């Protein structure tokens, strides 16, 4: 799923406001990792994502077994 966008982004100094699946509101200011207090992570578009710290340089999760 993804976060519901409440207000759209209007420039770098005005990030989008979104509602997480848990109901909390959060600002989507970072291109990759926007954390909700519940632990979910969203990108700047409000899509639910794996934190970039858990991915390789190509954006694949470290525990992905795409080579097998």
C-alpha atoms as a PDB file:
ATOM      1  CA  UNK A   1       0.000   0.000   0.000  1.00  0.00           C
ATOM      2  CA  UNK A   2       0.983   3.595   0.167  1.00  0.00           C
ATOM      3  CA  UNK A   3       0.434   6.759   2.125  1.00  0.00           C
ATOM      4  CA  UNK A   4      -2.551   8.928   1.253  1.00  0.00           C
ATOM      5  CA  UNK A   5      -1.328  12.324   0.051  1.00  0.00           C
ATOM      6  CA  UNK A   6      -3.155  15.075   1.938  1.00  0.00           C
ATOM      7  CA  UNK A   7      -1.385  18.094   0.441  1.00  0.00           C
ATOM      8  CA  UNK A   8       0.918  18.090  -2.589  1.00  0.00           C
ATOM      9  CA  UNK A   9       4.517  19.214  -2.624  1.00  0.00           C
ATOM     10  CA  UNK A  10       5.091  22.836  -3.638  1.00  0.00           C
ATOM     11  CA  UNK A  11       8.843  23.227  -3.919  1.00  0.00           C
ATOM     12  CA  UNK A  12      11.788  21.968  -1.889  1.00  0.00           C
ATOM     13  CA  UNK A  13      10.832  23.953   1.208  1.00  0.00           C
ATOM     14  CA  UNK A  14       7.237  22.721   1.253  1.00  0.00           C
ATOM     15  CA  UNK A  15       7.055  18.886   1.356  1.00  0.00           C
ATOM     16  CA  UNK A  16       3.888  16.900   0.808  1.00  0.00           C
ATOM     17  CA  UNK A  17       1.829  15.935   3.835  1.00  0.00           C
ATOM     18  CA  UNK A  18       0.636  12.330   3.845  1.00  0.00           C
ATOM     19  CA  UNK A  19      -1.397   9.984   6.019  1.00  0.00           C
ATOM     20  CA  UNK A  20       0.254   6.656   6.792  1.00  0.00           C
ATOM     21  CA  UNK A  21      -1.665   3.386   6.666  1.00  0.00           C
ATOM     22  CA  UNK A  22      -1.684   3.532  10.496  1.00  0.00           C
ATOM     23  CA  UNK A  23      -3.492   6.889  10.417  1.00  0.00           C
ATOM     24  CA  UNK A  24      -0.592   9.128  11.508  1.00  0.00           C
ATOM     25  CA  UNK A  25       0.410  12.116   9.399  1.00  0.00           C
ATOM     26  CA  UNK A  26       3.954  12.610   8.126  1.00  0.00           C
ATOM     27  CA  UNK A  27       5.827  14.921   5.784  1.00  0.00           C
ATOM     28  CA  UNK A  28       7.379  13.403   2.646  1.00  0.00           C
ATOM     29  CA  UNK A  29      10.511  15.524   2.462  1.00  0.00           C
ATOM     30  CA  UNK A  30      13.192  12.936   1.628  1.00  0.00           C
ATOM     31  CA  UNK A  31      13.328  11.328  -1.860  1.00  0.00           C
ATOM     32  CA  UNK A  32      13.805   7.792  -0.473  1.00  0.00           C
ATOM     33  CA  UNK A  33      13.197   7.410   3.255  1.00  0.00           C
ATOM     34  CA  UNK A  34      10.346   9.103   5.119  1.00  0.00           C
ATOM     35  CA  UNK A  35       9.656   7.269   8.376  1.00  0.00           C
ATOM     36  CA  UNK A  36       6.344   7.176  10.181  1.00  0.00           C
ATOM     37  CA  UNK A  37       6.385   6.754  13.956  1.00  0.00           C
ATOM     38  CA  UNK A  38       4.837   3.305  13.454  1.00  0.00           C
ATOM     39  CA  UNK A  39       7.938   2.145  11.515  1.00  0.00           C
ATOM     40  CA  UNK A  40       6.594   2.222   7.949  1.00  0.00           C
ATOM     41  CA  UNK A  41       8.783   3.928   5.347  1.00  0.00           C
ATOM     42  CA  UNK A  42       7.599   5.893   2.305  1.00  0.00           C
ATOM     43  CA  UNK A  43       9.324   7.565  -0.616  1.00  0.00           C
ATOM     44  CA  UNK A  44       8.602  11.133  -1.689  1.00  0.00           C
ATOM     45  CA  UNK A  45       5.622   9.936  -3.793  1.00  0.00           C
ATOM     46  CA  UNK A  46       3.998   8.184  -0.847  1.00  0.00           C
ATOM     47  CA  UNK A  47       4.844   4.656  -1.973  1.00  0.00           C
ATOM     48  CA  UNK A  48       5.675   2.162   0.768  1.00  0.00           C
ATOM     49  CA  UNK A  49       9.358   1.214   0.444  1.00  0.00           C
ATOM     50  CA  UNK A  50      12.166  -0.734   2.102  1.00  0.00           C
ATOM     51  CA  UNK A  51      14.608   1.689   3.809  1.00  0.00           C
ATOM     52  CA  UNK A  52      17.517   2.557   1.524  1.00  0.00           C
ATOM     53  CA  UNK A  53      19.941   1.507   4.281  1.00  0.00           C
ATOM     54  CA  UNK A  54      18.727  -2.077   3.686  1.00  0.00           C
ATOM     55  CA  UNK A  55      19.376  -1.954  -0.096  1.00  0.00           C
ATOM     56  CA  UNK A  56      22.425  -2.190  -2.337  1.00  0.00           C
ATOM     57  CA  UNK A  57      23.606   0.486  -4.782  1.00  0.00           C
ATOM     58  CA  UNK A  58      21.053  -0.675  -7.402  1.00  0.00           C
ATOM     59  CA  UNK A  59      18.187  -0.360  -4.912  1.00  0.00           C
ATOM     60  CA  UNK A  60      17.741  -4.117  -4.453  1.00  0.00           C
ATOM     61  CA  UNK A  61      17.168  -5.336  -0.878  1.00  0.00           C
ATOM     62  CA  UNK A  62      20.220  -7.087   0.569  1.00  0.00           C
ATOM     63  CA  UNK A  63      18.142 -10.166   1.364  1.00  0.00           C
ATOM     64  CA  UNK A  64      16.769 -10.411  -2.203  1.00  0.00           C
ATOM     65  CA  UNK A  65      17.573 -13.745  -3.818  1.00  0.00           C
ATOM     66  CA  UNK A  66      17.069 -12.594  -7.423  1.00  0.00           C
ATOM     67  CA  UNK A  67      20.285 -14.368  -8.440  1.00  0.00           C
ATOM     68  CA  UNK A  68      18.999 -17.815  -7.408  1.00  0.00           C
END
